[in-house]
Amino acid sequence: MTALSSPGQLAANLPGILGFYPHDSVIFAAFDATGAGHRFRLGPVIRLDIDDLRHLPDVARALEQSGEELVFAFVVTRRGEEEVEDVLDTLFALVRTSVIPIHACWVTREILTGEPVQLAFGPAPRPGEEAWSEEWLDDVVAPVAQSQAMSALLANGMLPDLNREETFEQFARFNPSFTPEECDQLSDFAHRHSRELLRALDRGEDRIWGSFAGAVADIGLLLTEIDEQDLSVADLMADEEPLLTVGAMLGNATLRDILIEEVLRQPAPAAGLLLAAARTFDGFIRSNALALYALCALELTLSMRAMPALSAVLLEDPGHSLSALLFDACRAGAFDTLLEAVREGSRLVRAAHGVTDGVGLEAA
């Protein structure tokens, strides 16, 4: 793990951490002590629009619950000096009243390589302590493309989005390969087929897939085919067959939970298929597609893609319990614990329905 030793280096990592370039933002980066001298490990990173500072009490609660020991803040904006001072006054008031223990705060106009990063406020050295070095007072944004946080995006052929709006547009329901009416028809069919499929599998009827294991095997082979043929999200959105195949598995909680272990075994092709499904279908299928997409993103170390996907679900369906649970765990940064928990849950559901490795492969 690469150590970050200046505010300019930390700022350069923000686009990779968030998944987009922040503008007009206040960003809080929390750290916990590693026990090794003055070294700290990065924890939750929380961003607010400058115009949404009324939500600062929510940020305070989230940081308090995380239990982190050190909090830095960045104000990223091109607004005028007077407006920036108002923001800084608001943040400093939180420090004075012990609402948010911001250790230091920096201001920069943009997160772009070479952009000045200047200290707005920070701690005065205690007697016997060394003062901060000059780069902690007046730095520049380090090369963004070479930042540690960018590596996961680059490894998956991605770059940070230009802004937050562009990030959320990826999770909107829009499939240009079909008309809205055709997407509604596909959704109706997939929801109906999912209900019929679950009933048939529960009864042991030989319809399409002869068993739950056969259904899982078919999905596994579909994901392998997507990977081998290097099919894009656009390719998958244009093909009814894979859409309806995965849609049927996402239409109810039982089949969805059985599917989780399978998609996490092949997270890259699964993420593309699930995103295509989320852009095509509505209702419970769409919510489940985005939730499982988020899990695949976490498996690929793309947490910056998981959080917006889960936010999109909860904006449309606040009662979607799986997404709510995933969102809370992600916000706490418990990615590895979360993945292990959902995998174990999926394995239990699979075992209860006769799905074990190597069973059902002949179904395809």
Protein backbone atom coordinates (compact mmCIF):
# COMPACT_ATOMS: atom_id res chain seq x y z
CA MET A 1 0.00 0.00 0.00
CA THR A 2 1.42 3.40 -1.00
CA ALA A 3 1.79 5.96 1.79
CA LEU A 4 0.34 9.43 1.20
CA SER A 5 2.53 12.10 2.72
CA SER A 6 1.06 15.44 1.62
CA PRO A 7 -2.33 17.10 1.07
CA GLY A 8 -1.60 17.28 -2.65
CA GLN A 9 -1.22 13.50 -2.81
CA LEU A 10 -4.42 12.95 -0.85
CA ALA A 11 -6.30 15.39 -3.08
CA ALA A 12 -5.04 13.57 -6.19
CA ASN A 13 -6.65 10.36 -4.92
CA LEU A 14 -10.11 11.89 -4.46
CA PRO A 15 -11.38 11.32 -8.05
CA GLY A 16 -10.40 7.64 -7.81
CA ILE A 17 -11.98 7.29 -4.38
CA LEU A 18 -15.23 9.03 -5.35
CA GLY A 19 -15.39 7.75 -8.93
CA PHE A 20 -15.78 11.28 -10.31
CA TYR A 21 -14.10 14.67 -10.24
CA PRO A 22 -15.68 16.69 -7.42
CA HIS A 23 -16.77 20.27 -8.01
CA ASP A 24 -18.28 22.76 -5.55
CA SER A 25 -17.76 20.19 -2.83
CA VAL A 26 -16.69 19.78 0.76
CA ILE A 27 -14.95 16.44 1.22
CA PHE A 28 -14.20 14.81 4.56
CA ALA A 29 -11.49 12.16 4.71
CA ALA A 30 -11.37 10.17 7.96
CA PHE A 31 -8.42 8.12 9.16
CA ASP A 32 -7.77 5.62 11.93
CA ALA A 33 -4.46 5.03 13.70
CA THR A 34 -2.40 2.05 12.58
CA GLY A 35 -0.41 1.84 15.80
CA ALA A 36 2.79 2.54 13.87
CA GLY A 37 3.99 5.97 14.98
CA HIS A 38 2.19 8.80 13.23
CA ARG A 39 0.79 6.61 10.46
CA PHE A 40 -2.95 6.53 9.77
CA ARG A 41 -5.12 4.41 7.50
CA LEU A 42 -7.74 6.05 5.27
CA GLY A 43 -11.31 5.24 6.26
CA PRO A 44 -14.63 6.73 5.10
CA VAL A 45 -14.60 9.60 2.60
CA ILE A 46 -17.76 11.72 2.57
CA ARG A 47 -18.62 14.42 0.02
CA LEU A 48 -21.21 17.20 0.28
CA ASP A 49 -22.31 19.79 -2.24
CA ILE A 50 -21.41 23.24 -0.97
CA ASP A 51 -25.08 24.16 -1.30
CA ASP A 52 -26.05 21.21 0.94
CA LEU A 53 -24.17 22.16 4.10
CA ARG A 54 -27.44 21.77 6.00
CA HIS A 55 -26.57 18.06 5.96
CA LEU A 56 -23.39 18.58 8.00
CA PRO A 57 -25.05 17.10 11.13
CA ASP A 58 -25.55 13.86 9.15
CA VAL A 59 -21.86 13.91 8.24
CA ALA A 60 -20.98 14.42 11.90
CA ARG A 61 -23.05 11.39 12.90
CA ALA A 62 -21.52 9.22 10.19
CA LEU A 63 -17.99 10.19 11.21
CA GLU A 64 -18.74 9.61 14.87
CA GLN A 65 -20.15 6.15 14.13
CA SER A 66 -17.07 5.26 12.08
CA GLY A 67 -14.88 5.84 15.13
CA GLU A 68 -12.03 7.32 13.09
CA GLU A 69 -9.35 9.28 14.94
CA LEU A 70 -8.36 11.92 12.39
CA VAL A 71 -10.47 13.99 9.99
CA PHE A 72 -9.20 16.16 7.12
CA ALA A 73 -11.43 18.36 4.98
CA PHE A 74 -11.06 19.71 1.45
CA VAL A 75 -13.08 22.56 -0.02
CA VAL A 76 -13.08 22.23 -3.82
CA THR A 77 -14.63 25.21 -5.56
CA ARG A 78 -14.08 28.05 -8.02
CA ARG A 79 -16.47 30.33 -6.16
CA GLY A 80 -15.44 33.80 -5.04
CA GLU A 81 -13.35 34.52 -1.98
CA GLU A 82 -16.30 35.73 0.09
CA GLU A 83 -18.32 32.55 -0.51
CA VAL A 84 -15.32 30.38 0.26
CA GLU A 85 -14.79 32.25 3.53
CA ASP A 86 -18.41 31.60 4.47
CA VAL A 87 -17.91 27.87 3.93
CA LEU A 88 -14.69 27.89 5.96
CA ASP A 89 -16.37 29.81 8.77
CA THR A 90 -19.11 27.16 8.86
CA LEU A 91 -16.56 24.35 9.02
CA PHE A 92 -14.45 26.06 11.65
CA ALA A 93 -17.55 26.59 13.78
CA LEU A 94 -18.00 22.81 13.77
CA VAL A 95 -14.48 22.46 15.13
CA ARG A 96 -14.97 25.09 17.86
CA THR A 97 -18.20 23.44 19.02
CA SER A 98 -16.70 19.91 18.79
CA VAL A 99 -19.35 18.80 16.28
CA ILE A 100 -16.77 17.55 13.76
CA PRO A 101 -13.13 17.36 14.90
CA ILE A 102 -11.59 18.57 11.64
CA HIS A 103 -7.84 18.38 12.17
CA ALA A 104 -7.03 20.46 9.10
CA CYS A 105 -8.80 21.90 6.06
CA TRP A 106 -7.43 22.77 2.63
CA VAL A 107 -8.87 24.73 -0.28
CA THR A 108 -8.34 24.09 -3.99
CA ARG A 109 -10.20 25.22 -7.09
CA GLU A 110 -10.17 21.88 -8.91
CA ILE A 111 -8.74 18.40 -8.46
CA LEU A 112 -6.38 18.73 -11.41
CA THR A 113 -2.69 17.90 -11.53
CA GLY A 114 -0.65 20.92 -10.44
CA GLU A 115 -3.59 22.90 -9.01
CA PRO A 116 -2.61 24.78 -5.80
CA VAL A 117 -3.80 23.28 -2.49
CA GLN A 118 -3.64 25.75 0.40
CA LEU A 119 -4.19 25.21 4.11
CA ALA A 120 -7.25 27.11 5.37
CA PHE A 121 -6.97 26.12 9.01
CA GLY A 122 -5.16 23.52 11.06
CA PRO A 123 -3.62 22.80 14.43
CA ALA A 124 -0.99 25.02 15.99
CA PRO A 125 2.11 23.05 17.02
CA ARG A 126 2.22 22.14 20.69
CA PRO A 127 5.31 22.97 22.74
CA GLY A 128 8.10 20.66 21.67
CA GLU A 129 6.33 19.60 18.44
CA GLU A 130 7.71 20.34 15.00
CA ALA A 131 5.70 22.69 12.82
CA TRP A 132 4.20 21.25 9.64
CA SER A 133 6.46 21.28 6.62
CA GLU A 134 5.85 23.80 3.87
CA GLU A 135 4.06 21.30 1.59
CA TRP A 136 1.37 20.78 4.24
CA LEU A 137 0.70 24.52 4.17
CA ASP A 138 1.00 25.24 0.47
CA ASP A 139 1.02 22.25 -1.91
CA VAL A 140 -0.17 21.30 -5.39
CA VAL A 141 -2.36 18.40 -6.52
CA ALA A 142 -0.11 15.45 -7.36
CA PRO A 143 -0.51 13.62 -10.72
CA VAL A 144 -4.10 12.36 -10.64
CA ALA A 145 -3.62 9.61 -13.24
CA GLN A 146 -0.83 8.08 -11.14
CA SER A 147 -2.74 8.12 -7.86
CA GLN A 148 -3.15 4.87 -5.94
CA ALA A 149 -6.95 5.16 -5.93
CA MET A 150 -6.99 5.33 -9.74
CA SER A 151 -5.44 1.88 -10.14
CA ALA A 152 -8.66 -0.11 -9.62
CA LEU A 153 -10.50 1.98 -12.21
CA LEU A 154 -7.68 1.71 -14.74
CA ALA A 155 -7.41 -2.05 -14.17
CA ASN A 156 -11.07 -2.35 -15.18
CA GLY A 157 -10.74 -0.06 -18.20
CA MET A 158 -12.43 2.89 -16.50
CA LEU A 159 -11.71 6.51 -15.61
CA PRO A 160 -13.39 8.78 -13.09
CA ASP A 161 -16.50 10.48 -14.41
CA LEU A 162 -16.34 14.20 -15.08
CA ASN A 163 -18.88 14.97 -12.37
CA ARG A 164 -21.33 13.36 -9.96
CA GLU A 165 -24.26 13.70 -12.38
CA GLU A 166 -22.43 11.65 -15.00
CA THR A 167 -21.86 8.90 -12.44
CA PHE A 168 -25.55 8.63 -11.56
CA GLU A 169 -26.62 8.74 -15.22
CA GLN A 170 -25.01 5.31 -15.65
CA PHE A 171 -27.63 3.80 -13.34
CA ALA A 172 -30.70 5.38 -14.90
CA ARG A 173 -33.27 3.13 -16.54
CA PHE A 174 -32.59 3.73 -20.23
CA ASN A 175 -31.96 1.13 -22.93
CA PRO A 176 -31.52 2.75 -26.36
CA SER A 177 -31.88 -0.63 -28.10
CA PHE A 178 -35.59 -0.80 -27.22
CA THR A 179 -38.41 1.71 -26.98
CA PRO A 180 -39.78 2.51 -23.50
CA GLU A 181 -42.87 0.47 -24.39
CA GLU A 182 -40.73 -2.52 -25.39
CA CYS A 183 -38.75 -2.25 -22.14
CA ASP A 184 -42.02 -2.28 -20.20
CA GLN A 185 -43.12 -5.39 -22.11
CA LEU A 186 -39.79 -7.10 -21.39
CA SER A 187 -40.17 -6.17 -17.72
CA ASP A 188 -43.69 -7.56 -17.51
CA PHE A 189 -42.58 -10.80 -19.14
CA ALA A 190 -39.51 -11.16 -16.89
CA HIS A 191 -41.50 -10.53 -13.69
CA ARG A 192 -44.17 -13.03 -14.74
CA HIS A 193 -41.62 -15.61 -15.88
CA SER A 194 -39.70 -15.28 -12.61
CA ARG A 195 -42.79 -16.11 -10.57
CA GLU A 196 -43.63 -19.08 -12.79
CA LEU A 197 -40.05 -20.29 -12.73
CA LEU A 198 -39.83 -20.25 -8.94
CA ARG A 199 -43.09 -22.20 -8.66
CA ALA A 200 -41.92 -24.75 -11.23
CA LEU A 201 -38.54 -25.24 -9.58
CA ASP A 202 -40.12 -25.58 -6.15
CA ARG A 203 -42.36 -28.34 -7.54
CA GLY A 204 -39.53 -30.04 -9.41
CA GLU A 205 -41.22 -29.48 -12.77
CA ASP A 206 -38.98 -29.85 -15.81
CA ARG A 207 -39.48 -26.41 -17.37
CA ILE A 208 -36.57 -24.65 -19.07
CA TRP A 209 -34.25 -25.48 -16.17
CA GLY A 210 -34.91 -28.81 -14.53
CA SER A 211 -33.65 -27.69 -11.13
CA PHE A 212 -32.23 -24.77 -9.19
CA ALA A 213 -28.78 -26.21 -9.93
CA GLY A 214 -29.57 -26.20 -13.64
CA ALA A 215 -30.62 -22.56 -13.46
CA VAL A 216 -27.37 -21.62 -11.75
CA ALA A 217 -25.29 -23.61 -14.25
CA ASP A 218 -26.94 -21.81 -17.15
CA ILE A 219 -26.14 -18.42 -15.65
CA GLY A 220 -22.54 -19.48 -15.04
CA LEU A 221 -22.13 -20.55 -18.66
CA LEU A 222 -23.74 -17.30 -19.84
CA LEU A 223 -21.21 -15.28 -17.83
CA THR A 224 -18.35 -17.33 -19.27
CA GLU A 225 -19.67 -16.67 -22.78
CA ILE A 226 -19.92 -12.92 -22.09
CA ASP A 227 -16.33 -12.92 -20.86
CA GLU A 228 -14.94 -14.99 -23.74
CA GLN A 229 -16.72 -12.90 -26.37
CA ASP A 230 -15.84 -9.65 -24.56
CA LEU A 231 -19.44 -8.45 -24.84
CA SER A 232 -20.03 -4.86 -23.77
CA VAL A 233 -22.96 -3.47 -21.80
CA ALA A 234 -24.27 -2.06 -25.09
CA ASP A 235 -24.06 -5.51 -26.70
CA LEU A 236 -25.99 -7.04 -23.81
CA MET A 237 -28.65 -4.32 -23.81
CA ALA A 238 -29.39 -5.15 -27.44
CA ASP A 239 -29.94 -8.88 -26.84
CA GLU A 240 -33.22 -10.06 -25.29
CA GLU A 241 -32.01 -13.56 -24.48
CA PRO A 242 -29.35 -12.79 -21.84
CA LEU A 243 -31.51 -9.98 -20.46
CA LEU A 244 -34.50 -12.27 -19.92
CA THR A 245 -32.30 -15.08 -18.61
CA VAL A 246 -30.87 -12.95 -15.82
CA GLY A 247 -34.14 -11.05 -15.37
CA ALA A 248 -35.92 -14.26 -14.44
CA MET A 249 -33.33 -14.90 -11.72
CA LEU A 250 -33.71 -11.39 -10.31
CA GLY A 251 -37.49 -11.32 -10.04
CA ASN A 252 -37.71 -12.82 -6.55
CA ALA A 253 -35.53 -12.93 -3.44
CA THR A 254 -34.91 -16.70 -3.49
CA LEU A 255 -33.47 -16.87 -6.99
CA ARG A 256 -31.59 -13.60 -6.43
CA ASP A 257 -29.91 -14.96 -3.31
CA ILE A 258 -28.99 -18.17 -5.12
CA LEU A 259 -27.47 -16.04 -7.89
CA ILE A 260 -25.19 -13.96 -5.63
CA GLU A 261 -22.43 -16.56 -5.27
CA GLU A 262 -22.46 -17.18 -9.03
CA VAL A 263 -22.02 -13.53 -10.04
CA LEU A 264 -19.27 -13.00 -7.47
CA ARG A 265 -17.30 -15.85 -9.07
CA GLN A 266 -17.24 -13.94 -12.37
CA PRO A 267 -17.70 -10.32 -11.27
CA ALA A 268 -16.52 -8.54 -14.42
CA PRO A 269 -18.93 -10.12 -16.95
CA ALA A 270 -21.64 -10.24 -14.29
CA ALA A 271 -21.33 -6.50 -13.64
CA GLY A 272 -21.92 -5.77 -17.32
CA LEU A 273 -24.92 -8.09 -17.53
CA LEU A 274 -26.46 -6.72 -14.33
CA LEU A 275 -25.99 -3.12 -15.46
CA ALA A 276 -27.67 -3.97 -18.78
CA ALA A 277 -30.56 -5.54 -16.85
CA ALA A 278 -30.87 -2.53 -14.54
CA ARG A 279 -31.11 -0.20 -17.54
CA THR A 280 -33.80 -2.38 -19.13
CA PHE A 281 -36.13 -3.68 -16.42
CA ASP A 282 -38.19 -1.97 -13.75
CA GLY A 283 -39.33 -2.72 -10.22
CA PHE A 284 -37.85 -5.52 -8.13
CA ILE A 285 -35.72 -6.84 -10.99
CA ARG A 286 -34.07 -3.45 -11.52
CA SER A 287 -33.45 -3.00 -7.78
CA ASN A 288 -31.91 -6.47 -7.48
CA ALA A 289 -29.79 -5.94 -10.59
CA LEU A 290 -28.29 -2.76 -9.13
CA ALA A 291 -27.76 -4.37 -5.72
CA LEU A 292 -25.90 -7.32 -7.25
CA TYR A 293 -24.00 -4.96 -9.56
CA ALA A 294 -22.82 -3.17 -6.41
CA LEU A 295 -21.58 -6.48 -4.98
CA CYS A 296 -19.67 -7.23 -8.19
CA ALA A 297 -18.16 -3.74 -8.06
CA LEU A 298 -16.95 -4.37 -4.51
CA GLU A 299 -15.46 -7.71 -5.58
CA LEU A 300 -13.57 -5.79 -8.29
CA THR A 301 -12.43 -3.22 -5.65
CA LEU A 302 -14.63 -0.58 -7.30
CA SER A 303 -16.41 0.72 -4.22
CA MET A 304 -16.79 4.08 -5.96
CA ARG A 305 -19.21 2.37 -8.38
CA ALA A 306 -21.08 0.41 -5.70
CA MET A 307 -22.29 3.35 -3.64
CA PRO A 308 -24.00 5.26 -6.49
CA ALA A 309 -25.72 2.06 -7.67
CA LEU A 310 -27.13 1.44 -4.19
CA SER A 311 -28.12 5.10 -3.86
CA ALA A 312 -30.05 4.82 -7.13
CA VAL A 313 -32.01 1.85 -5.74
CA LEU A 314 -32.85 3.54 -2.45
CA LEU A 315 -33.99 6.74 -4.16
CA GLU A 316 -36.50 4.71 -6.18
CA ASP A 317 -37.33 2.04 -3.60
CA PRO A 318 -36.38 2.99 -0.01
CA GLY A 319 -37.87 -0.30 1.18
CA HIS A 320 -35.45 -2.49 -0.77
CA SER A 321 -33.93 -4.20 2.26
CA LEU A 322 -30.91 -5.79 0.57
CA SER A 323 -29.75 -2.46 -0.84
CA ALA A 324 -30.29 -0.73 2.51
CA LEU A 325 -28.13 -3.33 4.28
CA LEU A 326 -25.43 -3.13 1.62
CA PHE A 327 -25.45 0.68 1.68
CA ASP A 328 -24.98 0.88 5.45
CA ALA A 329 -22.10 -1.61 5.35
CA CYS A 330 -20.45 0.23 2.44
CA ARG A 331 -20.77 3.57 4.19
CA ALA A 332 -18.89 2.07 7.14
CA GLY A 333 -16.18 0.81 4.76
CA ALA A 334 -16.76 -2.83 5.76
CA PHE A 335 -16.33 -4.15 2.21
CA ASP A 336 -14.55 -7.44 2.93
CA THR A 337 -16.85 -8.32 5.83
CA LEU A 338 -19.87 -7.52 3.67
CA LEU A 339 -18.74 -9.70 0.77
CA GLU A 340 -18.04 -12.65 3.03
CA ALA A 341 -21.43 -12.28 4.74
CA VAL A 342 -23.45 -12.18 1.51
CA ARG A 343 -21.48 -15.08 0.06
CA GLU A 344 -22.16 -17.16 3.13
CA GLY A 345 -25.84 -16.27 2.95
CA SER A 346 -25.96 -17.21 -0.72
CA ARG A 347 -24.25 -20.55 -0.05
CA LEU A 348 -26.81 -21.38 2.63
CA VAL A 349 -29.72 -20.64 0.28
CA ARG A 350 -28.05 -22.62 -2.52
CA ALA A 351 -27.49 -25.61 -0.24
CA ALA A 352 -31.11 -25.49 0.89
CA HIS A 353 -32.19 -25.77 -2.77
CA GLY A 354 -29.72 -28.46 -3.83
CA VAL A 355 -27.19 -26.19 -5.53
CA THR A 356 -23.65 -27.45 -5.00
CA ASP A 357 -20.53 -27.08 -7.12
CA GLY A 358 -20.56 -29.42 -10.09
CA VAL A 359 -24.28 -30.18 -9.85
CA GLY A 360 -26.49 -29.16 -12.73
CA LEU A 361 -23.78 -28.50 -15.31
CA GLU A 362 -25.43 -30.91 -17.70
CA ALA A 363 -28.52 -28.68 -17.72
CA ALA A 364 -26.92 -26.26 -20.10
